[in-house]
Amino acid sequence: MTQFVLVVDDDRDIRDSLVELIEDRGYRAVGAGNGVEALDVLRASPAPPCLILLDLMMPMMDGREFREHQVGNPAWRDIPVIVISAYNDVEAQARALGVDHMRKPLAMRPLIEAVQRYCLE
């Protein structure tokens, strides 16, 4: 099975744009609208994603709660995560979660470089 990037963002336009951008570069991407949907994707996938792009502020289950579930599961805890957020304190929030970060609006080149770095075929 081809590796994939899990894009978790409640903004459908952002999520769909990121999925399309990643797929246009030859990678597989799956979108989820919140942490609950993202956990469902992880449970249903035969192999974990090579990278998770994670928004923090989402309904039902936000990025922090999703991250708690992720690190609590041995099969998922080592999946790299990049927090994507427009908030000014995104760097501090990402550091508290032990992950990298990118500020919205996302620049395409650094995003694709991150995907390439984590998703080596």
PDB file of N, CA and C in Angstrom:
ATOM      1  N   MET A   1       0.839  -1.189   0.000  1.00  0.00           N
ATOM      2  CA  MET A   1       0.000   0.000   0.000  1.00  0.00           C
ATOM      3  C   MET A   1       0.876   1.242   0.000  1.00  0.00           C
ATOM      4  N   THR A   2       0.491   2.195  -0.784  1.00  0.00           N
ATOM      5  CA  THR A   2       1.219   3.452  -0.873  1.00  0.00           C
ATOM      6  C   THR A   2       1.093   4.242   0.426  1.00  0.00           C
ATOM      7  N   GLN A   3       2.186   4.860   0.801  1.00  0.00           N
ATOM      8  CA  GLN A   3       2.145   5.735   1.968  1.00  0.00           C
ATOM      9  C   GLN A   3       1.148   6.860   1.726  1.00  0.00           C
ATOM     10  N   PHE A   4       0.653   7.439   2.817  1.00  0.00           N
ATOM     11  CA  PHE A   4      -0.250   8.562   2.655  1.00  0.00           C
ATOM     12  C   PHE A   4      -0.034   9.592   3.739  1.00  0.00           C
ATOM     13  N   VAL A   5      -0.485  10.802   3.429  1.00  0.00           N
ATOM     14  CA  VAL A   5      -0.462  11.909   4.376  1.00  0.00           C
ATOM     15  C   VAL A   5      -1.887  12.087   4.876  1.00  0.00           C
ATOM     16  N   LEU A   6      -2.047  12.195   6.181  1.00  0.00           N
ATOM     17  CA  LEU A   6      -3.354  12.443   6.780  1.00  0.00           C
ATOM     18  C   LEU A   6      -3.468  13.939   7.050  1.00  0.00           C
ATOM     19  N   VAL A   7      -4.443  14.585   6.421  1.00  0.00           N
ATOM     20  CA  VAL A   7      -4.670  16.023   6.567  1.00  0.00           C
ATOM     21  C   VAL A   7      -5.897  16.208   7.456  1.00  0.00           C
ATOM     22  N   VAL A   8      -5.698  16.769   8.645  1.00  0.00           N
ATOM     23  CA  VAL A   8      -6.783  16.928   9.614  1.00  0.00           C
ATOM     24  C   VAL A   8      -7.057  18.416   9.805  1.00  0.00           C
ATOM     25  N   ASP A   9      -8.161  18.874   9.227  1.00  0.00           N
ATOM     26  CA  ASP A   9      -8.521  20.293   9.310  1.00  0.00           C
ATOM     27  C   ASP A   9     -10.030  20.399   9.127  1.00  0.00           C
ATOM     28  N   ASP A  10     -10.688  21.199   9.965  1.00  0.00           N
ATOM     29  CA  ASP A  10     -12.139  21.330   9.867  1.00  0.00           C
ATOM     30  C   ASP A  10     -12.580  22.248   8.735  1.00  0.00           C
ATOM     31  N   ASP A  11     -11.674  23.039   8.181  1.00  0.00           N
ATOM     32  CA  ASP A  11     -12.012  23.907   7.051  1.00  0.00           C
ATOM     33  C   ASP A  11     -11.915  23.084   5.771  1.00  0.00           C
ATOM     34  N   ARG A  12     -13.077  22.777   5.190  1.00  0.00           N
ATOM     35  CA  ARG A  12     -13.125  21.893   4.019  1.00  0.00           C
ATOM     36  C   ARG A  12     -12.272  22.429   2.865  1.00  0.00           C
ATOM     37  N   ASP A  13     -12.293  23.730   2.633  1.00  0.00           N
ATOM     38  CA  ASP A  13     -11.519  24.296   1.526  1.00  0.00           C
ATOM     39  C   ASP A  13     -10.024  24.101   1.739  1.00  0.00           C
ATOM     40  N   ILE A  14      -9.558  24.369   2.945  1.00  0.00           N
ATOM     41  CA  ILE A  14      -8.131  24.176   3.247  1.00  0.00           C
ATOM     42  C   ILE A  14      -7.773  22.700   3.136  1.00  0.00           C
ATOM     43  N   ARG A  15      -8.594  21.854   3.746  1.00  0.00           N
ATOM     44  CA  ARG A  15      -8.330  20.397   3.734  1.00  0.00           C
ATOM     45  C   ARG A  15      -8.276  19.876   2.303  1.00  0.00           C
ATOM     46  N   ASP A  16      -9.278  20.221   1.495  1.00  0.00           N
ATOM     47  CA  ASP A  16      -9.316  19.744   0.108  1.00  0.00           C
ATOM     48  C   ASP A  16      -8.153  20.291  -0.712  1.00  0.00           C
ATOM     49  N   SER A  17      -7.788  21.548  -0.465  1.00  0.00           N
ATOM     50  CA  SER A  17      -6.654  22.139  -1.192  1.00  0.00           C
ATOM     51  C   SER A  17      -5.347  21.432  -0.849  1.00  0.00           C
ATOM     52  N   LEU A  18      -5.152  21.135   0.431  1.00  0.00           N
ATOM     53  CA  LEU A  18      -3.939  20.427   0.844  1.00  0.00           C
ATOM     54  C   LEU A  18      -3.893  19.016   0.277  1.00  0.00           C
ATOM     55  N   VAL A  19      -5.020  18.317   0.325  1.00  0.00           N
ATOM     56  CA  VAL A  19      -5.077  16.966  -0.249  1.00  0.00           C
ATOM     57  C   VAL A  19      -4.726  17.034  -1.736  1.00  0.00           C
ATOM     58  N   GLU A  20      -5.316  17.979  -2.449  1.00  0.00           N
ATOM     59  CA  GLU A  20      -5.057  18.109  -3.884  1.00  0.00           C
ATOM     60  C   GLU A  20      -3.593  18.453  -4.162  1.00  0.00           C
ATOM     61  N   LEU A  21      -3.042  19.383  -3.407  1.00  0.00           N
ATOM     62  CA  LEU A  21      -1.640  19.772  -3.590  1.00  0.00           C
ATOM     63  C   LEU A  21      -0.714  18.578  -3.384  1.00  0.00           C
ATOM     64  N   ILE A  22      -0.950  17.824  -2.322  1.00  0.00           N
ATOM     65  CA  ILE A  22      -0.110  16.661  -2.019  1.00  0.00           C
ATOM     66  C   ILE A  22      -0.251  15.600  -3.104  1.00  0.00           C
ATOM     67  N   GLU A  23      -1.476  15.355  -3.538  1.00  0.00           N
ATOM     68  CA  GLU A  23      -1.696  14.349  -4.580  1.00  0.00           C
ATOM     69  C   GLU A  23      -1.124  14.793  -5.924  1.00  0.00           C
ATOM     70  N   ASP A  24      -1.157  16.089  -6.205  1.00  0.00           N
ATOM     71  CA  ASP A  24      -0.559  16.598  -7.451  1.00  0.00           C
ATOM     72  C   ASP A  24       0.948  16.361  -7.492  1.00  0.00           C
ATOM     73  N   ARG A  25       1.564  16.187  -6.318  1.00  0.00           N
ATOM     74  CA  ARG A  25       3.006  15.920  -6.251  1.00  0.00           C
ATOM     75  C   ARG A  25       3.310  14.430  -6.208  1.00  0.00           C
ATOM     76  N   GLY A  26       2.277  13.606  -6.429  1.00  0.00           N
ATOM     77  CA  GLY A  26       2.500  12.169  -6.540  1.00  0.00           C
ATOM     78  C   GLY A  26       2.338  11.376  -5.260  1.00  0.00           C
ATOM     79  N   TYR A  27       1.892  12.025  -4.200  1.00  0.00           N
ATOM     80  CA  TYR A  27       1.678  11.329  -2.940  1.00  0.00           C
ATOM     81  C   TYR A  27       0.183  11.065  -2.759  1.00  0.00           C
ATOM     82  N   ARG A  28      -0.143  10.151  -1.893  1.00  0.00           N
ATOM     83  CA  ARG A  28      -1.539   9.893  -1.551  1.00  0.00           C
ATOM     84  C   ARG A  28      -1.878  10.706  -0.309  1.00  0.00           C
ATOM     85  N   ALA A  29      -3.087  11.262  -0.258  1.00  0.00           N
ATOM     86  CA  ALA A  29      -3.511  12.042   0.905  1.00  0.00           C
ATOM     87  C   ALA A  29      -4.952  11.703   1.246  1.00  0.00           C
ATOM     88  N   VAL A  30      -5.241  11.716   2.534  1.00  0.00           N
ATOM     89  CA  VAL A  30      -6.579  11.448   3.034  1.00  0.00           C
ATOM     90  C   VAL A  30      -6.939  12.602   3.964  1.00  0.00           C
ATOM     91  N   GLY A  31      -8.150  13.133   3.820  1.00  0.00           N
ATOM     92  CA  GLY A  31      -8.594  14.227   4.665  1.00  0.00           C
ATOM     93  C   GLY A  31      -9.514  13.765   5.770  1.00  0.00           C
ATOM     94  N   ALA A  32      -9.470  14.485   6.893  1.00  0.00           N
ATOM     95  CA  ALA A  32     -10.383  14.265   8.013  1.00  0.00           C
ATOM     96  C   ALA A  32     -10.770  15.636   8.559  1.00  0.00           C
ATOM     97  N   GLY A  33     -12.045  15.786   8.938  1.00  0.00           N
ATOM     98  CA  GLY A  33     -12.558  17.074   9.362  1.00  0.00           C
ATOM     99  C   GLY A  33     -12.376  17.397  10.836  1.00  0.00           C
ATOM    100  N   ASN A  34     -11.942  16.421  11.628  1.00  0.00           N
ATOM    101  CA  ASN A  34     -11.700  16.648  13.054  1.00  0.00           C
ATOM    102  C   ASN A  34     -10.936  15.448  13.609  1.00  0.00           C
ATOM    103  N   GLY A  35     -10.602  15.517  14.888  1.00  0.00           N
ATOM    104  CA  GLY A  35      -9.830  14.438  15.497  1.00  0.00           C
ATOM    105  C   GLY A  35     -10.530  13.097  15.522  1.00  0.00           C
ATOM    106  N   VAL A  36     -11.859  13.107  15.681  1.00  0.00           N
ATOM    107  CA  VAL A  36     -12.607  11.851  15.690  1.00  0.00           C
ATOM    108  C   VAL A  36     -12.487  11.160  14.338  1.00  0.00           C
ATOM    109  N   GLU A  37     -12.696  11.921  13.259  1.00  0.00           N
ATOM    110  CA  GLU A  37     -12.556  11.341  11.920  1.00  0.00           C
ATOM    111  C   GLU A  37     -11.129  10.869  11.679  1.00  0.00           C
ATOM    112  N   ALA A  38     -10.158  11.618  12.167  1.00  0.00           N
ATOM    113  CA  ALA A  38      -8.753  11.228  11.984  1.00  0.00           C
ATOM    114  C   ALA A  38      -8.450   9.909  12.692  1.00  0.00           C
ATOM    115  N   LEU A  39      -8.976   9.740  13.893  1.00  0.00           N
ATOM    116  CA  LEU A  39      -8.785   8.459  14.599  1.00  0.00           C
ATOM    117  C   LEU A  39      -9.435   7.320  13.838  1.00  0.00           C
ATOM    118  N   ASP A  40     -10.601   7.588  13.246  1.00  0.00           N
ATOM    119  CA  ASP A  40     -11.262   6.562  12.426  1.00  0.00           C
ATOM    120  C   ASP A  40     -10.382   6.161  11.241  1.00  0.00           C
ATOM    121  N   VAL A  41      -9.742   7.149  10.605  1.00  0.00           N
ATOM    122  CA  VAL A  41      -8.845   6.850   9.482  1.00  0.00           C
ATOM    123  C   VAL A  41      -7.686   5.992   9.963  1.00  0.00           C
ATOM    124  N   LEU A  42      -7.089   6.361  11.095  1.00  0.00           N
ATOM    125  CA  LEU A  42      -5.966   5.573  11.619  1.00  0.00           C
ATOM    126  C   LEU A  42      -6.392   4.141  11.925  1.00  0.00           C
ATOM    127  N   ARG A  43      -7.547   3.975  12.536  1.00  0.00           N
ATOM    128  CA  ARG A  43      -8.019   2.625  12.878  1.00  0.00           C
ATOM    129  C   ARG A  43      -8.274   1.790  11.630  1.00  0.00           C
ATOM    130  N   ALA A  44      -8.773   2.405  10.566  1.00  0.00           N
ATOM    131  CA  ALA A  44      -9.167   1.669   9.358  1.00  0.00           C
ATOM    132  C   ALA A  44      -8.000   1.425   8.393  1.00  0.00           C
ATOM    133  N   SER A  45      -6.887   2.109   8.587  1.00  0.00           N
ATOM    134  CA  SER A  45      -5.768   2.005   7.644  1.00  0.00           C
ATOM    135  C   SER A  45      -4.890   0.803   7.970  1.00  0.00           C
ATOM    136  N   PRO A  46      -4.554   0.005   6.946  1.00  0.00           N
ATOM    137  CA  PRO A  46      -3.680  -1.138   7.191  1.00  0.00           C
ATOM    138  C   PRO A  46      -2.266  -0.721   7.586  1.00  0.00           C
ATOM    139  N   ALA A  47      -1.857   0.477   7.175  1.00  0.00           N
ATOM    140  CA  ALA A  47      -0.544   1.003   7.543  1.00  0.00           C
ATOM    141  C   ALA A  47      -0.732   2.456   7.978  1.00  0.00           C
ATOM    142  N   PRO A  48       0.090   2.929   8.912  1.00  0.00           N
ATOM    143  CA  PRO A  48      -0.066   4.304   9.372  1.00  0.00           C
ATOM    144  C   PRO A  48       0.379   5.302   8.299  1.00  0.00           C
ATOM    145  N   PRO A  49      -0.110   6.538   8.387  1.00  0.00           N
ATOM    146  CA  PRO A  49       0.358   7.555   7.445  1.00  0.00           C
ATOM    147  C   PRO A  49       1.827   7.874   7.697  1.00  0.00           C
ATOM    148  N   CYS A  50       2.474   8.405   6.684  1.00  0.00           N
ATOM    149  CA  CYS A  50       3.875   8.809   6.835  1.00  0.00           C
ATOM    150  C   CYS A  50       3.985  10.163   7.514  1.00  0.00           C
ATOM    151  N   LEU A  51       2.865  10.923   7.535  1.00  0.00           N
ATOM    152  CA  LEU A  51       2.854  12.261   8.117  1.00  0.00           C
ATOM    153  C   LEU A  51       1.413  12.652   8.410  1.00  0.00           C
ATOM    154  N   ILE A  52       1.216  13.385   9.508  1.00  0.00           N
ATOM    155  CA  ILE A  52      -0.088  13.961   9.821  1.00  0.00           C
ATOM    156  C   ILE A  52       0.057  15.475   9.855  1.00  0.00           C
ATOM    157  N   LEU A  53      -0.747  16.163   9.049  1.00  0.00           N
ATOM    158  CA  LEU A  53      -0.858  17.619   9.111  1.00  0.00           C
ATOM    159  C   LEU A  53      -2.075  17.900   9.971  1.00  0.00           C
ATOM    160  N   LEU A  54      -1.896  18.586  11.096  1.00  0.00           N
ATOM    161  CA  LEU A  54      -2.924  18.661  12.126  1.00  0.00           C
ATOM    162  C   LEU A  54      -3.264  20.098  12.504  1.00  0.00           C
ATOM    163  N   ASP A  55      -4.499  20.490  12.231  1.00  0.00           N
ATOM    164  CA  ASP A  55      -5.015  21.765  12.724  1.00  0.00           C
ATOM    165  C   ASP A  55      -5.280  21.602  14.217  1.00  0.00           C
ATOM    166  N   LEU A  56      -5.222  22.700  14.959  1.00  0.00           N
ATOM    167  CA  LEU A  56      -5.466  22.610  16.402  1.00  0.00           C
ATOM    168  C   LEU A  56      -6.919  22.862  16.774  1.00  0.00           C
ATOM    169  N   MET A  57      -7.511  23.881  16.194  1.00  0.00           N
ATOM    170  CA  MET A  57      -8.864  24.287  16.575  1.00  0.00           C
ATOM    171  C   MET A  57      -9.880  23.635  15.647  1.00  0.00           C
ATOM    172  N   MET A  58     -10.578  22.620  16.171  1.00  0.00           N
ATOM    173  CA  MET A  58     -11.586  21.895  15.402  1.00  0.00           C
ATOM    174  C   MET A  58     -12.726  21.507  16.337  1.00  0.00           C
ATOM    175  N   PRO A  59     -13.922  21.318  15.777  1.00  0.00           N
ATOM    176  CA  PRO A  59     -15.041  20.847  16.597  1.00  0.00           C
ATOM    177  C   PRO A  59     -14.903  19.356  16.915  1.00  0.00           C
ATOM    178  N   MET A  60     -15.682  18.899  17.847  1.00  0.00           N
ATOM    179  CA  MET A  60     -15.773  17.499  18.272  1.00  0.00           C
ATOM    180  C   MET A  60     -14.518  17.026  19.000  1.00  0.00           C
ATOM    181  N   MET A  61     -13.372  17.072  18.331  1.00  0.00           N
ATOM    182  CA  MET A  61     -12.104  16.721  18.967  1.00  0.00           C
ATOM    183  C   MET A  61     -11.030  17.589  18.325  1.00  0.00           C
ATOM    184  N   ASP A  62     -10.396  18.431  19.146  1.00  0.00           N
ATOM    185  CA  ASP A  62      -9.377  19.334  18.597  1.00  0.00           C
ATOM    186  C   ASP A  62      -8.039  18.616  18.443  1.00  0.00           C
ATOM    187  N   GLY A  63      -7.076  19.356  17.933  1.00  0.00           N
ATOM    188  CA  GLY A  63      -5.770  18.768  17.652  1.00  0.00           C
ATOM    189  C   GLY A  63      -5.044  18.262  18.883  1.00  0.00           C
ATOM    190  N   ARG A  64      -5.192  18.986  20.000  1.00  0.00           N
ATOM    191  CA  ARG A  64      -4.513  18.550  21.229  1.00  0.00           C
ATOM    192  C   ARG A  64      -5.066  17.206  21.717  1.00  0.00           C
ATOM    193  N   GLU A  65      -6.378  17.074  21.713  1.00  0.00           N
ATOM    194  CA  GLU A  65      -6.979  15.821  22.169  1.00  0.00           C
ATOM    195  C   GLU A  65      -6.636  14.675  21.213  1.00  0.00           C
ATOM    196  N   PHE A  66      -6.653  14.952  19.914  1.00  0.00           N
ATOM    197  CA  PHE A  66      -6.247  13.934  18.941  1.00  0.00           C
ATOM    198  C   PHE A  66      -4.821  13.474  19.236  1.00  0.00           C
ATOM    199  N   ARG A  67      -3.937  14.434  19.487  1.00  0.00           N
ATOM    200  CA  ARG A  67      -2.523  14.115  19.746  1.00  0.00           C
ATOM    201  C   ARG A  67      -2.391  13.234  20.994  1.00  0.00           C
ATOM    202  N   GLU A  68      -3.197  13.494  22.017  1.00  0.00           N
ATOM    203  CA  GLU A  68      -3.174  12.644  23.215  1.00  0.00           C
ATOM    204  C   GLU A  68      -3.529  11.197  22.858  1.00  0.00           C
ATOM    205  N   HIS A  69      -4.562  11.023  22.036  1.00  0.00           N
ATOM    206  CA  HIS A  69      -4.949   9.671  21.608  1.00  0.00           C
ATOM    207  C   HIS A  69      -3.839   9.048  20.754  1.00  0.00           C
ATOM    208  N   GLN A  70      -3.239   9.861  19.898  1.00  0.00           N
ATOM    209  CA  GLN A  70      -2.196   9.345  19.009  1.00  0.00           C
ATOM    210  C   GLN A  70      -1.006   8.826  19.813  1.00  0.00           C
ATOM    211  N   VAL A  71      -0.478   9.630  20.723  1.00  0.00           N
ATOM    212  CA  VAL A  71       0.711   9.192  21.468  1.00  0.00           C
ATOM    213  C   VAL A  71       0.383   8.100  22.480  1.00  0.00           C
ATOM    214  N   GLY A  72      -0.894   7.953  22.822  1.00  0.00           N
ATOM    215  CA  GLY A  72      -1.301   6.894  23.733  1.00  0.00           C
ATOM    216  C   GLY A  72      -1.411   5.530  23.071  1.00  0.00           C
ATOM    217  N   ASN A  73      -1.316   5.495  21.743  1.00  0.00           N
ATOM    218  CA  ASN A  73      -1.411   4.234  21.018  1.00  0.00           C
ATOM    219  C   ASN A  73      -0.031   3.879  20.454  1.00  0.00           C
ATOM    220  N   PRO A  74       0.554   2.781  20.893  1.00  0.00           N
ATOM    221  CA  PRO A  74       1.903   2.425  20.426  1.00  0.00           C
ATOM    222  C   PRO A  74       2.032   2.330  18.904  1.00  0.00           C
ATOM    223  N   ALA A  75       0.962   1.960  18.222  1.00  0.00           N
ATOM    224  CA  ALA A  75       1.017   1.835  16.758  1.00  0.00           C
ATOM    225  C   ALA A  75       1.056   3.192  16.065  1.00  0.00           C
ATOM    226  N   TRP A  76       0.651   4.242  16.760  1.00  0.00           N
ATOM    227  CA  TRP A  76       0.545   5.566  16.143  1.00  0.00           C
ATOM    228  C   TRP A  76       1.502   6.603  16.711  1.00  0.00           C
ATOM    229  N   ARG A  77       2.093   6.330  17.873  1.00  0.00           N
ATOM    230  CA  ARG A  77       2.824   7.387  18.587  1.00  0.00           C
ATOM    231  C   ARG A  77       4.014   7.945  17.821  1.00  0.00           C
ATOM    232  N   ASP A  78       4.615   7.159  16.939  1.00  0.00           N
ATOM    233  CA  ASP A  78       5.801   7.629  16.225  1.00  0.00           C
ATOM    234  C   ASP A  78       5.487   8.263  14.866  1.00  0.00           C
ATOM    235  N   ILE A  79       4.213   8.409  14.527  1.00  0.00           N
ATOM    236  CA  ILE A  79       3.862   9.065  13.260  1.00  0.00           C
ATOM    237  C   ILE A  79       4.207  10.542  13.387  1.00  0.00           C
ATOM    238  N   PRO A  80       5.014  11.079  12.478  1.00  0.00           N
ATOM    239  CA  PRO A  80       5.355  12.501  12.542  1.00  0.00           C
ATOM    240  C   PRO A  80       4.109  13.377  12.367  1.00  0.00           C
ATOM    241  N   VAL A  81       4.084  14.475  13.117  1.00  0.00           N
ATOM    242  CA  VAL A  81       2.973  15.426  13.063  1.00  0.00           C
ATOM    243  C   VAL A  81       3.532  16.824  12.844  1.00  0.00           C
ATOM    244  N   ILE A  82       2.872  17.562  11.954  1.00  0.00           N
ATOM    245  CA  ILE A  82       3.144  18.981  11.804  1.00  0.00           C
ATOM    246  C   ILE A  82       1.845  19.716  12.090  1.00  0.00           C
ATOM    247  N   VAL A  83       1.855  20.551  13.115  1.00  0.00           N
ATOM    248  CA  VAL A  83       0.685  21.369  13.442  1.00  0.00           C
ATOM    249  C   VAL A  83       0.607  22.499  12.429  1.00  0.00           C
ATOM    250  N   ILE A  84      -0.592  22.698  11.878  1.00  0.00           N
ATOM    251  CA  ILE A  84      -0.829  23.794  10.943  1.00  0.00           C
ATOM    252  C   ILE A  84      -1.872  24.709  11.574  1.00  0.00           C
ATOM    253  N   SER A  85      -1.513  25.967  11.764  1.00  0.00           N
ATOM    254  CA  SER A  85      -2.409  26.887  12.453  1.00  0.00           C
ATOM    255  C   SER A  85      -2.073  28.321  12.096  1.00  0.00           C
ATOM    256  N   ALA A  86      -3.076  29.186  12.187  1.00  0.00           N
ATOM    257  CA  ALA A  86      -2.882  30.613  11.950  1.00  0.00           C
ATOM    258  C   ALA A  86      -2.648  31.367  13.256  1.00  0.00           C
ATOM    259  N   TYR A  87      -2.731  30.693  14.380  1.00  0.00           N
ATOM    260  CA  TYR A  87      -2.588  31.365  15.665  1.00  0.00           C
ATOM    261  C   TYR A  87      -1.160  31.828  15.907  1.00  0.00           C
ATOM    262  N   ASN A  88      -1.033  32.978  16.557  1.00  0.00           N
ATOM    263  CA  ASN A  88       0.278  33.567  16.813  1.00  0.00           C
ATOM    264  C   ASN A  88       1.170  32.667  17.660  1.00  0.00           C
ATOM    265  N   ASP A  89       0.568  31.908  18.578  1.00  0.00           N
ATOM    266  CA  ASP A  89       1.363  31.063  19.469  1.00  0.00           C
ATOM    267  C   ASP A  89       1.499  29.629  18.974  1.00  0.00           C
ATOM    268  N   VAL A  90       1.364  29.438  17.657  1.00  0.00           N
ATOM    269  CA  VAL A  90       1.433  28.078  17.112  1.00  0.00           C
ATOM    270  C   VAL A  90       2.759  27.401  17.442  1.00  0.00           C
ATOM    271  N   GLU A  91       3.839  28.157  17.452  1.00  0.00           N
ATOM    272  CA  GLU A  91       5.138  27.553  17.756  1.00  0.00           C
ATOM    273  C   GLU A  91       5.157  26.997  19.179  1.00  0.00           C
ATOM    274  N   ALA A  92       4.671  27.775  20.142  1.00  0.00           N
ATOM    275  CA  ALA A  92       4.642  27.321  21.535  1.00  0.00           C
ATOM    276  C   ALA A  92       3.695  26.133  21.704  1.00  0.00           C
ATOM    277  N   GLN A  93       2.550  26.188  21.033  1.00  0.00           N
ATOM    278  CA  GLN A  93       1.603  25.084  21.142  1.00  0.00           C
ATOM    279  C   GLN A  93       2.178  23.800  20.546  1.00  0.00           C
ATOM    280  N   ALA A  94       2.832  23.924  19.407  1.00  0.00           N
ATOM    281  CA  ALA A  94       3.439  22.750  18.777  1.00  0.00           C
ATOM    282  C   ALA A  94       4.549  22.186  19.659  1.00  0.00           C
ATOM    283  N   ARG A  95       5.367  23.064  20.228  1.00  0.00           N
ATOM    284  CA  ARG A  95       6.449  22.621  21.108  1.00  0.00           C
ATOM    285  C   ARG A  95       5.871  21.859  22.309  1.00  0.00           C
ATOM    286  N   ALA A  96       4.752  22.350  22.862  1.00  0.00           N
ATOM    287  CA  ALA A  96       4.116  21.676  23.999  1.00  0.00           C
ATOM    288  C   ALA A  96       3.618  20.280  23.615  1.00  0.00           C
ATOM    289  N   LEU A  97       3.257  20.102  22.356  1.00  0.00           N
ATOM    290  CA  LEU A  97       2.795  18.796  21.879  1.00  0.00           C
ATOM    291  C   LEU A  97       3.942  17.921  21.388  1.00  0.00           C
ATOM    292  N   GLY A  98       5.145  18.480  21.319  1.00  0.00           N
ATOM    293  CA  GLY A  98       6.302  17.719  20.865  1.00  0.00           C
ATOM    294  C   GLY A  98       6.338  17.488  19.376  1.00  0.00           C
ATOM    295  N   VAL A  99       5.812  18.454  18.607  1.00  0.00           N
ATOM    296  CA  VAL A  99       5.752  18.306  17.154  1.00  0.00           C
ATOM    297  C   VAL A  99       6.256  19.571  16.466  1.00  0.00           C
ATOM    298  N   ASP A 100       6.416  19.481  15.162  1.00  0.00           N
ATOM    299  CA  ASP A 100       6.809  20.613  14.351  1.00  0.00           C
ATOM    300  C   ASP A 100       5.564  21.449  14.040  1.00  0.00           C
ATOM    301  N   HIS A 101       5.760  22.590  13.390  1.00  0.00           N
ATOM    302  CA  HIS A 101       4.620  23.448  13.068  1.00  0.00           C
ATOM    303  C   HIS A 101       4.854  24.202  11.768  1.00  0.00           C
ATOM    304  N   MET A 102       3.758  24.637  11.160  1.00  0.00           N
ATOM    305  CA  MET A 102       3.767  25.535  10.013  1.00  0.00           C
ATOM    306  C   MET A 102       2.606  26.501  10.212  1.00  0.00           C
ATOM    307  N   ARG A 103       2.859  27.752   9.898  1.00  0.00           N
ATOM    308  CA  ARG A 103       1.836  28.776  10.076  1.00  0.00           C
ATOM    309  C   ARG A 103       0.990  28.906   8.820  1.00  0.00           C
ATOM    310  N   LYS A 104      -0.346  29.004   9.030  1.00  0.00           N
ATOM    311  CA  LYS A 104      -1.262  29.279   7.922  1.00  0.00           C
ATOM    312  C   LYS A 104      -1.244  30.775   7.654  1.00  0.00           C
ATOM    313  N   PRO A 105      -1.382  31.218   6.417  1.00  0.00           N
ATOM    314  CA  PRO A 105      -1.515  30.383   5.222  1.00  0.00           C
ATOM    315  C   PRO A 105      -0.198  29.664   4.920  1.00  0.00           C
ATOM    316  N   LEU A 106      -0.319  28.425   4.501  1.00  0.00           N
ATOM    317  CA  LEU A 106       0.851  27.586   4.267  1.00  0.00           C
ATOM    318  C   LEU A 106       1.529  27.941   2.954  1.00  0.00           C
ATOM    319  N   ALA A 107       2.845  27.977   2.991  1.00  0.00           N
ATOM    320  CA  ALA A 107       3.627  28.149   1.768  1.00  0.00           C
ATOM    321  C   ALA A 107       3.804  26.770   1.136  1.00  0.00           C
ATOM    322  N   MET A 108       3.575  26.686  -0.171  1.00  0.00           N
ATOM    323  CA  MET A 108       3.591  25.383  -0.841  1.00  0.00           C
ATOM    324  C   MET A 108       4.946  24.695  -0.789  1.00  0.00           C
ATOM    325  N   ARG A 109       6.013  25.402  -1.069  1.00  0.00           N
ATOM    326  CA  ARG A 109       7.327  24.754  -1.143  1.00  0.00           C
ATOM    327  C   ARG A 109       7.732  24.110   0.185  1.00  0.00           C
ATOM    328  N   PRO A 110       7.674  24.831   1.317  1.00  0.00           N
ATOM    329  CA  PRO A 110       8.034  24.163   2.584  1.00  0.00           C
ATOM    330  C   PRO A 110       7.119  22.991   2.920  1.00  0.00           C
ATOM    331  N   LEU A 111       5.849  23.093   2.568  1.00  0.00           N
ATOM    332  CA  LEU A 111       4.926  21.999   2.822  1.00  0.00           C
ATOM    333  C   LEU A 111       5.315  20.758   2.031  1.00  0.00           C
ATOM    334  N   ILE A 112       5.559  20.920   0.751  1.00  0.00           N
ATOM    335  CA  ILE A 112       5.949  19.782  -0.091  1.00  0.00           C
ATOM    336  C   ILE A 112       7.301  19.228   0.347  1.00  0.00           C
ATOM    337  N   GLU A 113       8.224  20.110   0.747  1.00  0.00           N
ATOM    338  CA  GLU A 113       9.519  19.630   1.238  1.00  0.00           C
ATOM    339  C   GLU A 113       9.342  18.780   2.497  1.00  0.00           C
ATOM    340  N   ALA A 114       8.409  19.174   3.365  1.00  0.00           N
ATOM    341  CA  ALA A 114       8.139  18.379   4.571  1.00  0.00           C
ATOM    342  C   ALA A 114       7.559  17.023   4.197  1.00  0.00           C
ATOM    343  N   VAL A 115       6.619  17.013   3.266  1.00  0.00           N
ATOM    344  CA  VAL A 115       6.042  15.738   2.811  1.00  0.00           C
ATOM    345  C   VAL A 115       7.144  14.853   2.242  1.00  0.00           C
ATOM    346  N   GLN A 116       8.014  15.418   1.417  1.00  0.00           N
ATOM    347  CA  GLN A 116       9.105  14.638   0.827  1.00  0.00           C
ATOM    348  C   GLN A 116      10.035  14.088   1.903  1.00  0.00           C
ATOM    349  N   ARG A 117      10.298  14.891   2.914  1.00  0.00           N
ATOM    350  CA  ARG A 117      11.209  14.488   4.000  1.00  0.00           C
ATOM    351  C   ARG A 117      10.643  13.308   4.796  1.00  0.00           C
ATOM    352  N   TYR A 118       9.344  13.338   5.089  1.00  0.00           N
ATOM    353  CA  TYR A 118       8.731  12.306   5.932  1.00  0.00           C
ATOM    354  C   TYR A 118       8.192  11.120   5.147  1.00  0.00           C
ATOM    355  N   CYS A 119       7.937  11.308   3.880  1.00  0.00           N
ATOM    356  CA  CYS A 119       7.260  10.266   3.106  1.00  0.00           C
ATOM    357  C   CYS A 119       8.150   9.703   2.017  1.00  0.00           C
ATOM    358  N   LEU A 120       9.311   9.267   2.388  1.00  0.00           N
ATOM    359  CA  LEU A 120      10.221   8.652   1.425  1.00  0.00           C
ATOM    360  C   LEU A 120       9.646   7.324   0.996  1.00  0.00           C
ATOM    361  N   GLU A 121       9.577   7.118  -0.293  1.00  0.00           N
ATOM    362  CA  GLU A 121       9.025   5.860  -0.817  1.00  0.00           C
ATOM    363  C   GLU A 121      10.072   4.765  -0.748  1.00  0.00           C
TER     364      GLU A 121
END
